[in-house]
């Protein structure tokens, strides 16, 4: 089964290095890709506060241990909804069987919902319990952010799927 491991972007530091969140996601994706030689990876994330793009940072770090032919980049997506839409389009265009979302545990419910809205079978990989080193305040902030983003992306995702269906007609 050909699976596309989709790494959701996170901040790039001012010096162009991966933030701890991005580094954690890269490590998780690396393990998932190396576990099966049919897996390929899509690094997703545009330029945020600091260049280069999140996808470029991911791809450069992953190329140290993974054949660059198995690494693909989405340098345009600026948020979770855009990443899911790009991943679904890439998966369908390149004959993958499913997407595997690679992100943090607090982000997974929204990611799963969006893949479901786009009609894409998917799996998830995330950090193991205890692997996330963020403070309790940081995790609380991220969970609250996700709680607010879930209903927004439910509506925005449904509209995106509807627009895409109209364009195909």
C-alpha atoms as a PDB file:
ATOM      1  CA  UNK A   1       0.000   0.000   0.000  1.00  0.00           C
ATOM      2  CA  UNK A   2       1.423   3.365  -1.049  1.00  0.00           C
ATOM      3  CA  UNK A   3       0.994   5.942   1.681  1.00  0.00           C
ATOM      4  CA  UNK A   4       1.790   9.618   1.656  1.00  0.00           C
ATOM      5  CA  UNK A   5       3.066  10.839   5.014  1.00  0.00           C
ATOM      6  CA  UNK A   6       1.877  14.453   5.317  1.00  0.00           C
ATOM      7  CA  UNK A   7       3.925  16.591   7.684  1.00  0.00           C
ATOM      8  CA  UNK A   8       2.014  19.644   8.877  1.00  0.00           C
ATOM      9  CA  UNK A   9       4.139  22.760   9.161  1.00  0.00           C
ATOM     10  CA  UNK A  10       5.125  24.684  12.244  1.00  0.00           C
ATOM     11  CA  UNK A  11       7.301  27.707  12.922  1.00  0.00           C
ATOM     12  CA  UNK A  12      10.749  28.289  11.507  1.00  0.00           C
ATOM     13  CA  UNK A  13      13.073  30.258  13.789  1.00  0.00           C
ATOM     14  CA  UNK A  14      14.697  33.570  12.820  1.00  0.00           C
ATOM     15  CA  UNK A  15      17.956  31.743  12.042  1.00  0.00           C
ATOM     16  CA  UNK A  16      16.125  29.457   9.569  1.00  0.00           C
ATOM     17  CA  UNK A  17      16.159  26.401  11.827  1.00  0.00           C
ATOM     18  CA  UNK A  18      13.201  24.267  12.841  1.00  0.00           C
ATOM     19  CA  UNK A  19      11.278  25.212  15.971  1.00  0.00           C
ATOM     20  CA  UNK A  20      10.933  22.441  18.580  1.00  0.00           C
ATOM     21  CA  UNK A  21       7.429  21.665  17.277  1.00  0.00           C
ATOM     22  CA  UNK A  22       8.628  21.421  13.691  1.00  0.00           C
ATOM     23  CA  UNK A  23      11.649  19.318  14.697  1.00  0.00           C
ATOM     24  CA  UNK A  24       9.376  16.915  16.596  1.00  0.00           C
ATOM     25  CA  UNK A  25       7.073  16.511  13.586  1.00  0.00           C
ATOM     26  CA  UNK A  26      10.054  15.911  11.303  1.00  0.00           C
ATOM     27  CA  UNK A  27      11.348  13.154  13.603  1.00  0.00           C
ATOM     28  CA  UNK A  28       7.945  11.472  13.702  1.00  0.00           C
ATOM     29  CA  UNK A  29       7.659  11.621   9.900  1.00  0.00           C
ATOM     30  CA  UNK A  30      11.162  10.278   9.436  1.00  0.00           C
ATOM     31  CA  UNK A  31      10.343   7.178  11.496  1.00  0.00           C
ATOM     32  CA  UNK A  32       7.090   6.643   9.556  1.00  0.00           C
ATOM     33  CA  UNK A  33       8.749   6.951   6.146  1.00  0.00           C
ATOM     34  CA  UNK A  34      11.662   4.702   7.044  1.00  0.00           C
ATOM     35  CA  UNK A  35       9.264   2.032   8.361  1.00  0.00           C
ATOM     36  CA  UNK A  36       8.062   1.159   4.834  1.00  0.00           C
ATOM     37  CA  UNK A  37       9.935   1.675   1.567  1.00  0.00           C
ATOM     38  CA  UNK A  38       6.673   2.446  -0.270  1.00  0.00           C
ATOM     39  CA  UNK A  39       5.914   5.438   1.931  1.00  0.00           C
ATOM     40  CA  UNK A  40       6.710   8.894   0.600  1.00  0.00           C
ATOM     41  CA  UNK A  41       6.475  12.224   2.353  1.00  0.00           C
ATOM     42  CA  UNK A  42       4.846  15.583   1.684  1.00  0.00           C
ATOM     43  CA  UNK A  43       6.379  18.456   3.646  1.00  0.00           C
ATOM     44  CA  UNK A  44       3.827  21.248   3.889  1.00  0.00           C
ATOM     45  CA  UNK A  45       4.162  24.843   4.977  1.00  0.00           C
ATOM     46  CA  UNK A  46       4.719  28.238   3.409  1.00  0.00           C
ATOM     47  CA  UNK A  47       7.086  30.936   4.586  1.00  0.00           C
ATOM     48  CA  UNK A  48       5.884  32.168   7.964  1.00  0.00           C
ATOM     49  CA  UNK A  49       7.482  34.882  10.066  1.00  0.00           C
ATOM     50  CA  UNK A  50      10.964  33.810   8.952  1.00  0.00           C
ATOM     51  CA  UNK A  51      12.264  32.245   5.738  1.00  0.00           C
ATOM     52  CA  UNK A  52      12.764  29.707   4.335  1.00  0.00           C
ATOM     53  CA  UNK A  53       9.441  27.927   3.994  1.00  0.00           C
ATOM     54  CA  UNK A  54       8.499  25.355   6.611  1.00  0.00           C
ATOM     55  CA  UNK A  55       8.424  22.744   3.824  1.00  0.00           C
ATOM     56  CA  UNK A  56      11.970  23.636   2.731  1.00  0.00           C
ATOM     57  CA  UNK A  57      13.318  23.265   6.268  1.00  0.00           C
ATOM     58  CA  UNK A  58      11.596  19.900   6.653  1.00  0.00           C
ATOM     59  CA  UNK A  59      12.787  18.600   3.285  1.00  0.00           C
ATOM     60  CA  UNK A  60      16.402  19.606   3.956  1.00  0.00           C
ATOM     61  CA  UNK A  61      16.460  17.841   7.317  1.00  0.00           C
ATOM     62  CA  UNK A  62      14.700  14.729   6.020  1.00  0.00           C
ATOM     63  CA  UNK A  63      17.042  14.459   3.015  1.00  0.00           C
ATOM     64  CA  UNK A  64      19.832  13.523   5.440  1.00  0.00           C
ATOM     65  CA  UNK A  65      18.265  10.084   5.965  1.00  0.00           C
ATOM     66  CA  UNK A  66      15.615   9.692   3.236  1.00  0.00           C
ATOM     67  CA  UNK A  67      16.079   9.493  -0.527  1.00  0.00           C
ATOM     68  CA  UNK A  68      15.126  12.959  -1.851  1.00  0.00           C
ATOM     69  CA  UNK A  69      13.023  11.276  -4.564  1.00  0.00           C
ATOM     70  CA  UNK A  70      10.632  10.218  -1.774  1.00  0.00           C
ATOM     71  CA  UNK A  71      10.310  13.783  -0.429  1.00  0.00           C
ATOM     72  CA  UNK A  72       7.792  16.218  -1.922  1.00  0.00           C
ATOM     73  CA  UNK A  73       7.150  19.825  -0.955  1.00  0.00           C
ATOM     74  CA  UNK A  74       4.079  22.014  -0.628  1.00  0.00           C
ATOM     75  CA  UNK A  75       5.509  25.496  -0.072  1.00  0.00           C
ATOM     76  CA  UNK A  76       2.173  27.277  -0.513  1.00  0.00           C
ATOM     77  CA  UNK A  77      -0.106  26.030   2.259  1.00  0.00           C
ATOM     78  CA  UNK A  78      -0.453  28.521   5.097  1.00  0.00           C
ATOM     79  CA  UNK A  79      -2.821  26.609   7.372  1.00  0.00           C
ATOM     80  CA  UNK A  80      -4.231  23.191   8.193  1.00  0.00           C
ATOM     81  CA  UNK A  81      -7.116  23.404   5.725  1.00  0.00           C
ATOM     82  CA  UNK A  82      -4.805  24.340   2.842  1.00  0.00           C
ATOM     83  CA  UNK A  83      -2.410  21.535   3.775  1.00  0.00           C
ATOM     84  CA  UNK A  84      -5.185  18.942   3.788  1.00  0.00           C
ATOM     85  CA  UNK A  85      -6.543  20.174   0.442  1.00  0.00           C
ATOM     86  CA  UNK A  86      -3.050  20.082  -1.097  1.00  0.00           C
ATOM     87  CA  UNK A  87      -2.325  16.643   0.356  1.00  0.00           C
ATOM     88  CA  UNK A  88      -5.588  15.177  -0.935  1.00  0.00           C
ATOM     89  CA  UNK A  89      -4.971  16.597  -4.424  1.00  0.00           C
ATOM     90  CA  UNK A  90      -1.380  15.290  -4.426  1.00  0.00           C
ATOM     91  CA  UNK A  91      -2.470  11.868  -3.179  1.00  0.00           C
ATOM     92  CA  UNK A  92      -5.090  11.492  -5.889  1.00  0.00           C
ATOM     93  CA  UNK A  93      -2.848  12.853  -8.652  1.00  0.00           C
ATOM     94  CA  UNK A  94       0.045  10.527  -7.816  1.00  0.00           C
ATOM     95  CA  UNK A  95      -1.798   7.279  -7.061  1.00  0.00           C
ATOM     96  CA  UNK A  96      -1.283   6.978  -3.331  1.00  0.00           C
ATOM     97  CA  UNK A  97      -3.746   4.799  -1.426  1.00  0.00           C
ATOM     98  CA  UNK A  98      -4.050   7.052   1.585  1.00  0.00           C
ATOM     99  CA  UNK A  99      -2.647   9.938   3.560  1.00  0.00           C
ATOM    100  CA  UNK A 100      -0.992   9.586   6.924  1.00  0.00           C
ATOM    101  CA  UNK A 101      -1.133  12.823   8.896  1.00  0.00           C
ATOM    102  CA  UNK A 102       1.975  13.608  10.903  1.00  0.00           C
ATOM    103  CA  UNK A 103       1.390  16.237  13.542  1.00  0.00           C
ATOM    104  CA  UNK A 104       1.024  16.731  17.278  1.00  0.00           C
ATOM    105  CA  UNK A 105      -1.683  14.967  19.283  1.00  0.00           C
ATOM    106  CA  UNK A 106      -3.547  18.190  20.067  1.00  0.00           C
ATOM    107  CA  UNK A 107      -3.847  18.891  16.310  1.00  0.00           C
ATOM    108  CA  UNK A 108      -5.099  15.445  15.244  1.00  0.00           C
ATOM    109  CA  UNK A 109      -8.869  15.846  15.786  1.00  0.00           C
ATOM    110  CA  UNK A 110      -9.018  18.803  13.378  1.00  0.00           C
ATOM    111  CA  UNK A 111      -6.765  17.102  10.852  1.00  0.00           C
ATOM    112  CA  UNK A 112      -8.849  13.908  10.931  1.00  0.00           C
ATOM    113  CA  UNK A 113     -12.044  15.917  10.494  1.00  0.00           C
ATOM    114  CA  UNK A 114     -10.682  17.732   7.444  1.00  0.00           C
ATOM    115  CA  UNK A 115      -9.451  14.547   5.763  1.00  0.00           C
ATOM    116  CA  UNK A 116     -12.881  13.057   6.397  1.00  0.00           C
ATOM    117  CA  UNK A 117     -14.577  16.103   4.810  1.00  0.00           C
ATOM    118  CA  UNK A 118     -12.378  15.710   1.725  1.00  0.00           C
ATOM    119  CA  UNK A 119     -13.297  12.019   1.498  1.00  0.00           C
ATOM    120  CA  UNK A 120      -9.739  10.808   1.950  1.00  0.00           C
ATOM    121  CA  UNK A 121      -9.040   7.669   3.931  1.00  0.00           C
ATOM    122  CA  UNK A 122      -6.271   8.419   6.322  1.00  0.00           C
ATOM    123  CA  UNK A 123      -4.232   7.338   9.252  1.00  0.00           C
ATOM    124  CA  UNK A 124      -2.333   9.425  11.733  1.00  0.00           C
ATOM    125  CA  UNK A 125       1.001   9.363  13.456  1.00  0.00           C
ATOM    126  CA  UNK A 126       1.762  11.703  16.302  1.00  0.00           C
ATOM    127  CA  UNK A 127       4.128  12.149  19.158  1.00  0.00           C
ATOM    128  CA  UNK A 128       3.946   9.543  21.866  1.00  0.00           C
ATOM    129  CA  UNK A 129       2.699  10.521  25.291  1.00  0.00           C
ATOM    130  CA  UNK A 130       5.473  12.267  27.126  1.00  0.00           C
ATOM    131  CA  UNK A 131       7.441  13.009  23.952  1.00  0.00           C
ATOM    132  CA  UNK A 132       6.062  16.556  23.789  1.00  0.00           C
ATOM    133  CA  UNK A 133       8.268  18.734  25.954  1.00  0.00           C
ATOM    134  CA  UNK A 134       6.114  21.856  25.937  1.00  0.00           C
ATOM    135  CA  UNK A 135       5.030  23.459  29.157  1.00  0.00           C
ATOM    136  CA  UNK A 136       1.570  22.873  30.551  1.00  0.00           C
ATOM    137  CA  UNK A 137       0.697  26.487  29.655  1.00  0.00           C
ATOM    138  CA  UNK A 138       1.824  25.941  26.055  1.00  0.00           C
ATOM    139  CA  UNK A 139      -0.208  22.747  25.704  1.00  0.00           C
ATOM    140  CA  UNK A 140      -3.259  24.451  27.206  1.00  0.00           C
ATOM    141  CA  UNK A 141      -2.861  27.335  24.755  1.00  0.00           C
ATOM    142  CA  UNK A 142      -2.593  24.919  21.807  1.00  0.00           C
ATOM    143  CA  UNK A 143      -5.623  22.902  22.923  1.00  0.00           C
ATOM    144  CA  UNK A 144      -7.696  26.076  23.275  1.00  0.00           C
ATOM    145  CA  UNK A 145      -6.539  27.197  19.829  1.00  0.00           C
ATOM    146  CA  UNK A 146      -7.616  23.848  18.383  1.00  0.00           C
ATOM    147  CA  UNK A 147     -10.987  24.037  20.146  1.00  0.00           C
ATOM    148  CA  UNK A 148     -11.633  27.387  18.448  1.00  0.00           C
ATOM    149  CA  UNK A 149     -10.274  26.254  15.068  1.00  0.00           C
ATOM    150  CA  UNK A 150     -12.327  23.046  14.876  1.00  0.00           C
ATOM    151  CA  UNK A 151     -15.738  24.627  14.201  1.00  0.00           C
ATOM    152  CA  UNK A 152     -14.170  27.230  11.917  1.00  0.00           C
ATOM    153  CA  UNK A 153     -12.451  24.577   9.804  1.00  0.00           C
ATOM    154  CA  UNK A 154     -15.581  22.437   9.788  1.00  0.00           C
ATOM    155  CA  UNK A 155     -17.441  25.233   8.007  1.00  0.00           C
ATOM    156  CA  UNK A 156     -14.497  26.384   5.881  1.00  0.00           C
ATOM    157  CA  UNK A 157     -13.667  22.792   4.923  1.00  0.00           C
ATOM    158  CA  UNK A 158     -17.252  22.016   3.948  1.00  0.00           C
ATOM    159  CA  UNK A 159     -17.291  25.118   1.739  1.00  0.00           C
ATOM    160  CA  UNK A 160     -13.955  24.168   0.157  1.00  0.00           C
ATOM    161  CA  UNK A 161     -15.237  20.690  -0.659  1.00  0.00           C
ATOM    162  CA  UNK A 162     -18.464  22.140  -2.072  1.00  0.00           C
ATOM    163  CA  UNK A 163     -16.566  24.634  -4.276  1.00  0.00           C
ATOM    164  CA  UNK A 164     -14.279  21.876  -5.544  1.00  0.00           C
ATOM    165  CA  UNK A 165     -17.280  19.676  -6.394  1.00  0.00           C
ATOM    166  CA  UNK A 166     -18.901  22.543  -8.335  1.00  0.00           C
ATOM    167  CA  UNK A 167     -15.692  23.118 -10.318  1.00  0.00           C
ATOM    168  CA  UNK A 168     -15.573  19.439 -11.327  1.00  0.00           C
ATOM    169  CA  UNK A 169     -19.119  19.589 -12.773  1.00  0.00           C
END
